[in-house]
Amino acid sequence: MRGIIDRTLERLLILIISVMLIAVIWQVISRYLIGTPSTLTDEIASFSLIWLGLFGAAYATGKELHLAIDLISVKTIQKYPTLFSAIVTFSVSIFALFVMVIGGLRLCWITYTLDQRSAALEIPLAYIYLVVPVSGLLIVYYSLDIFVKKRNLAKS
């Protein structure tokens, strides 16, 4: 299951960055060579950047490449690795669950109910914002999966 999610997320990230690259290149061509800038490419690039950042955060969590701030000495962490792994996993999972999944779903519901649409593309913003709860679910899944694997390694 984890391998399928990893490969799907990798391909999705490649697709998103490709779309963003094409949109930016077309924006430059249409503005400087043709003389009439495209109105759609600005929104496509902005939405692509948002999706790239959020799905990239989920991917980085799965690869254990996320940001870490070392406030506790390495010696202390090495004494109780399972405890500190549990604290980090719990903190990341709680944040992702409450802020990204629950808050993101509320954001999607509100924008869907109010029928808010993007200015140029006229896409319902609820579809754009759907990346927040989806990436939150991926972060929760990856965090818990990493914790279980580390716990099983510590037991053996």
C-alpha atoms as a PDB file:
ATOM      1  CA  MET A   1       0.000   0.000   0.000  1.00  0.00           C
ATOM      2  CA  ARG A   2       2.759   2.445   0.965  1.00  0.00           C
ATOM      3  CA  GLY A   3       4.605   1.866  -2.320  1.00  0.00           C
ATOM      4  CA  ILE A   4       1.491   2.607  -4.372  1.00  0.00           C
ATOM      5  CA  ILE A   5       0.877   5.856  -2.477  1.00  0.00           C
ATOM      6  CA  ASP A   6       4.542   6.868  -2.847  1.00  0.00           C
ATOM      7  CA  ARG A   7       4.606   6.246  -6.593  1.00  0.00           C
ATOM      8  CA  THR A   8       1.247   7.971  -7.133  1.00  0.00           C
ATOM      9  CA  LEU A   9       2.364  10.998  -5.147  1.00  0.00           C
ATOM     10  CA  GLU A  10       5.686  11.155  -7.013  1.00  0.00           C
ATOM     11  CA  ARG A  11       3.910  11.107 -10.373  1.00  0.00           C
ATOM     12  CA  LEU A  12       1.382  13.682  -9.195  1.00  0.00           C
ATOM     13  CA  LEU A  13       4.179  16.011  -8.066  1.00  0.00           C
ATOM     14  CA  ILE A  14       5.936  15.629 -11.424  1.00  0.00           C
ATOM     15  CA  LEU A  15       2.671  16.407 -13.228  1.00  0.00           C
ATOM     16  CA  ILE A  16       1.987  19.464 -11.063  1.00  0.00           C
ATOM     17  CA  ILE A  17       5.463  20.927 -11.526  1.00  0.00           C
ATOM     18  CA  SER A  18       5.235  20.260 -15.278  1.00  0.00           C
ATOM     19  CA  VAL A  19       1.893  22.083 -15.506  1.00  0.00           C
ATOM     20  CA  MET A  20       3.329  24.963 -13.486  1.00  0.00           C
ATOM     21  CA  LEU A  21       6.421  25.129 -15.700  1.00  0.00           C
ATOM     22  CA  ILE A  22       4.367  25.146 -18.907  1.00  0.00           C
ATOM     23  CA  ALA A  23       2.048  27.830 -17.504  1.00  0.00           C
ATOM     24  CA  VAL A  24       4.948  30.093 -16.530  1.00  0.00           C
ATOM     25  CA  ILE A  25       6.725  29.600 -19.852  1.00  0.00           C
ATOM     26  CA  TRP A  26       3.512  30.404 -21.737  1.00  0.00           C
ATOM     27  CA  GLN A  27       3.009  33.488 -19.563  1.00  0.00           C
ATOM     28  CA  VAL A  28       6.474  34.775 -20.486  1.00  0.00           C
ATOM     29  CA  ILE A  29       5.972  33.987 -24.183  1.00  0.00           C
ATOM     30  CA  SER A  30       2.535  35.590 -24.324  1.00  0.00           C
ATOM     31  CA  ARG A  31       3.643  38.689 -22.438  1.00  0.00           C
ATOM     32  CA  TYR A  32       6.969  39.448 -24.098  1.00  0.00           C
ATOM     33  CA  LEU A  33       6.775  37.850 -27.544  1.00  0.00           C
ATOM     34  CA  ILE A  34       3.096  38.120 -28.423  1.00  0.00           C
ATOM     35  CA  GLY A  35       2.391  41.272 -26.432  1.00  0.00           C
ATOM     36  CA  THR A  36      -0.861  40.155 -24.798  1.00  0.00           C
ATOM     37  CA  PRO A  37      -0.374  38.369 -21.472  1.00  0.00           C
ATOM     38  CA  SER A  38      -2.521  35.338 -20.804  1.00  0.00           C
ATOM     39  CA  THR A  39      -4.903  35.804 -17.878  1.00  0.00           C
ATOM     40  CA  LEU A  40      -5.281  32.103 -17.169  1.00  0.00           C
ATOM     41  CA  THR A  41      -1.633  31.202 -16.654  1.00  0.00           C
ATOM     42  CA  ASP A  42      -1.254  33.330 -13.523  1.00  0.00           C
ATOM     43  CA  GLU A  43      -3.973  31.378 -11.717  1.00  0.00           C
ATOM     44  CA  ILE A  44      -2.739  28.042 -13.040  1.00  0.00           C
ATOM     45  CA  ALA A  45       0.770  28.781 -11.762  1.00  0.00           C
ATOM     46  CA  SER A  46      -0.549  29.978  -8.371  1.00  0.00           C
ATOM     47  CA  PHE A  47      -2.797  26.973  -7.829  1.00  0.00           C
ATOM     48  CA  SER A  48      -0.049  24.626  -9.007  1.00  0.00           C
ATOM     49  CA  LEU A  49       2.353  26.151  -6.506  1.00  0.00           C
ATOM     50  CA  ILE A  50      -0.145  25.638  -3.670  1.00  0.00           C
ATOM     51  CA  TRP A  51      -0.749  22.019  -4.656  1.00  0.00           C
ATOM     52  CA  LEU A  52       2.976  21.402  -5.130  1.00  0.00           C
ATOM     53  CA  GLY A  53       3.749  22.776  -1.674  1.00  0.00           C
ATOM     54  CA  LEU A  54       1.075  20.794   0.158  1.00  0.00           C
ATOM     55  CA  PHE A  55       1.566  17.506  -1.664  1.00  0.00           C
ATOM     56  CA  GLY A  56       5.322  18.067  -1.407  1.00  0.00           C
ATOM     57  CA  ALA A  57       4.963  18.406   2.372  1.00  0.00           C
ATOM     58  CA  ALA A  58       3.142  15.074   2.490  1.00  0.00           C
ATOM     59  CA  TYR A  59       5.814  13.475   0.302  1.00  0.00           C
ATOM     60  CA  ALA A  60       8.592  14.897   2.478  1.00  0.00           C
ATOM     61  CA  THR A  61       6.862  13.530   5.578  1.00  0.00           C
ATOM     62  CA  GLY A  62       6.773  10.087   3.982  1.00  0.00           C
ATOM     63  CA  LYS A  63      10.491  10.276   3.207  1.00  0.00           C
ATOM     64  CA  GLU A  64      11.249  11.661   6.691  1.00  0.00           C
ATOM     65  CA  LEU A  65      12.681  14.812   5.151  1.00  0.00           C
ATOM     66  CA  HIS A  66      10.507  17.233   7.071  1.00  0.00           C
ATOM     67  CA  LEU A  67      11.890  20.139   9.045  1.00  0.00           C
ATOM     68  CA  ALA A  68      13.214  19.377  12.509  1.00  0.00           C
ATOM     69  CA  ILE A  69      14.206  21.829  15.191  1.00  0.00           C
ATOM     70  CA  ASP A  70      16.614  20.322  17.688  1.00  0.00           C
ATOM     71  CA  LEU A  71      15.706  21.743  21.075  1.00  0.00           C
ATOM     72  CA  ILE A  72      16.590  18.596  22.963  1.00  0.00           C
ATOM     73  CA  SER A  73      20.125  17.266  22.992  1.00  0.00           C
ATOM     74  CA  VAL A  74      20.956  14.319  20.765  1.00  0.00           C
ATOM     75  CA  LYS A  75      22.153  12.289  23.758  1.00  0.00           C
ATOM     76  CA  THR A  76      18.742  12.585  25.429  1.00  0.00           C
ATOM     77  CA  ILE A  77      16.948  11.580  22.258  1.00  0.00           C
ATOM     78  CA  GLN A  78      19.263   8.581  21.802  1.00  0.00           C
ATOM     79  CA  LYS A  79      18.376   7.334  25.292  1.00  0.00           C
ATOM     80  CA  TYR A  80      14.640   7.306  24.561  1.00  0.00           C
ATOM     81  CA  PRO A  81      14.218   7.147  20.782  1.00  0.00           C
ATOM     82  CA  THR A  82      10.775   5.532  20.852  1.00  0.00           C
ATOM     83  CA  LEU A  83       9.426   8.153  23.253  1.00  0.00           C
ATOM     84  CA  PHE A  84      10.648  11.068  21.166  1.00  0.00           C
ATOM     85  CA  SER A  85       9.503   9.432  17.958  1.00  0.00           C
ATOM     86  CA  ALA A  86       6.065   9.040  19.531  1.00  0.00           C
ATOM     87  CA  ILE A  87       6.004  12.696  20.589  1.00  0.00           C
ATOM     88  CA  VAL A  88       6.962  13.908  17.109  1.00  0.00           C
ATOM     89  CA  THR A  89       4.523  11.555  15.388  1.00  0.00           C
ATOM     90  CA  PHE A  90       1.707  12.487  17.751  1.00  0.00           C
ATOM     91  CA  SER A  91       2.351  16.223  17.308  1.00  0.00           C
ATOM     92  CA  VAL A  92       2.527  16.065  13.524  1.00  0.00           C
ATOM     93  CA  SER A  93      -0.522  13.786  13.315  1.00  0.00           C
ATOM     94  CA  ILE A  94      -2.635  15.957  15.621  1.00  0.00           C
ATOM     95  CA  PHE A  95      -1.733  19.106  13.680  1.00  0.00           C
ATOM     96  CA  ALA A  96      -2.426  17.462  10.323  1.00  0.00           C
ATOM     97  CA  LEU A  97      -5.687  15.940  11.535  1.00  0.00           C
ATOM     98  CA  PHE A  98      -7.208  18.979  13.207  1.00  0.00           C
ATOM     99  CA  VAL A  99      -5.804  21.840  11.145  1.00  0.00           C
ATOM    100  CA  MET A 100      -5.411  20.302   7.715  1.00  0.00           C
ATOM    101  CA  VAL A 101      -8.061  17.583   7.542  1.00  0.00           C
ATOM    102  CA  ILE A 102     -10.869  18.965   9.695  1.00  0.00           C
ATOM    103  CA  GLY A 103     -10.090  22.640   9.034  1.00  0.00           C
ATOM    104  CA  GLY A 104      -9.516  21.931   5.342  1.00  0.00           C
ATOM    105  CA  LEU A 105     -12.821  20.103   5.016  1.00  0.00           C
ATOM    106  CA  ARG A 106     -14.597  23.023   6.696  1.00  0.00           C
ATOM    107  CA  LEU A 107     -12.872  25.417   4.285  1.00  0.00           C
ATOM    108  CA  CYS A 108     -13.948  23.287   1.304  1.00  0.00           C
ATOM    109  CA  TRP A 109     -17.520  23.071   2.588  1.00  0.00           C
ATOM    110  CA  ILE A 110     -17.791  26.834   3.168  1.00  0.00           C
ATOM    111  CA  THR A 111     -16.373  27.758  -0.236  1.00  0.00           C
ATOM    112  CA  TYR A 112     -18.565  25.123  -1.905  1.00  0.00           C
ATOM    113  CA  THR A 113     -21.687  26.364  -0.108  1.00  0.00           C
ATOM    114  CA  LEU A 114     -20.924  29.983  -1.002  1.00  0.00           C
ATOM    115  CA  ASP A 115     -20.100  28.931  -4.587  1.00  0.00           C
ATOM    116  CA  GLN A 116     -16.825  30.833  -4.604  1.00  0.00           C
ATOM    117  CA  ARG A 117     -15.001  30.595  -7.898  1.00  0.00           C
ATOM    118  CA  SER A 118     -11.554  31.578  -9.091  1.00  0.00           C
ATOM    119  CA  ALA A 119     -11.393  34.861 -10.966  1.00  0.00           C
ATOM    120  CA  ALA A 120      -9.943  33.783 -14.313  1.00  0.00           C
ATOM    121  CA  LEU A 121     -10.606  30.046 -14.571  1.00  0.00           C
ATOM    122  CA  GLU A 122     -14.067  30.114 -12.920  1.00  0.00           C
ATOM    123  CA  ILE A 123     -13.220  26.850 -11.109  1.00  0.00           C
ATOM    124  CA  PRO A 124     -14.997  26.321  -7.777  1.00  0.00           C
ATOM    125  CA  LEU A 125     -12.400  27.137  -5.108  1.00  0.00           C
ATOM    126  CA  ALA A 126     -13.588  24.162  -3.074  1.00  0.00           C
ATOM    127  CA  TYR A 127     -11.870  21.921  -5.632  1.00  0.00           C
ATOM    128  CA  ILE A 128      -8.652  23.906  -5.335  1.00  0.00           C
ATOM    129  CA  TYR A 129      -8.773  23.844  -1.518  1.00  0.00           C
ATOM    130  CA  LEU A 130      -9.416  20.093  -1.490  1.00  0.00           C
ATOM    131  CA  VAL A 131      -5.641  19.643  -1.527  1.00  0.00           C
ATOM    132  CA  VAL A 132      -5.486  20.729   2.134  1.00  0.00           C
ATOM    133  CA  PRO A 133      -7.466  17.824   3.670  1.00  0.00           C
ATOM    134  CA  VAL A 134      -6.066  15.288   1.193  1.00  0.00           C
ATOM    135  CA  SER A 135      -2.468  16.213   1.971  1.00  0.00           C
ATOM    136  CA  GLY A 136      -3.360  16.267   5.676  1.00  0.00           C
ATOM    137  CA  LEU A 137      -4.614  12.699   5.441  1.00  0.00           C
ATOM    138  CA  LEU A 138      -1.415  11.690   3.670  1.00  0.00           C
ATOM    139  CA  ILE A 139       0.692  13.331   6.392  1.00  0.00           C
ATOM    140  CA  VAL A 140      -1.266  11.499   9.118  1.00  0.00           C
ATOM    141  CA  TYR A 141      -0.873   8.201   7.259  1.00  0.00           C
ATOM    142  CA  TYR A 142       2.860   8.661   6.683  1.00  0.00           C
ATOM    143  CA  SER A 143       3.496   9.789  10.263  1.00  0.00           C
ATOM    144  CA  LEU A 144       1.709   6.802  11.761  1.00  0.00           C
ATOM    145  CA  ASP A 145       3.318   4.394   9.304  1.00  0.00           C
ATOM    146  CA  ILE A 146       6.795   5.694  10.133  1.00  0.00           C
ATOM    147  CA  PHE A 147       6.096   5.455  13.867  1.00  0.00           C
ATOM    148  CA  VAL A 148       4.884   1.857  13.608  1.00  0.00           C
ATOM    149  CA  LYS A 149       7.958   0.862  11.583  1.00  0.00           C
ATOM    150  CA  LYS A 150      10.326   2.551  14.060  1.00  0.00           C
ATOM    151  CA  ARG A 151       8.542   0.933  17.002  1.00  0.00           C
ATOM    152  CA  ASN A 152       8.769  -2.501  15.399  1.00  0.00           C
ATOM    153  CA  LEU A 153      12.487  -1.978  14.739  1.00  0.00           C
ATOM    154  CA  ALA A 154      13.052  -0.933  18.351  1.00  0.00           C
ATOM    155  CA  LYS A 155      11.304  -4.056  19.641  1.00  0.00           C
ATOM    156  CA  SER A 156      13.428  -6.413  17.544  1.00  0.00           C
END
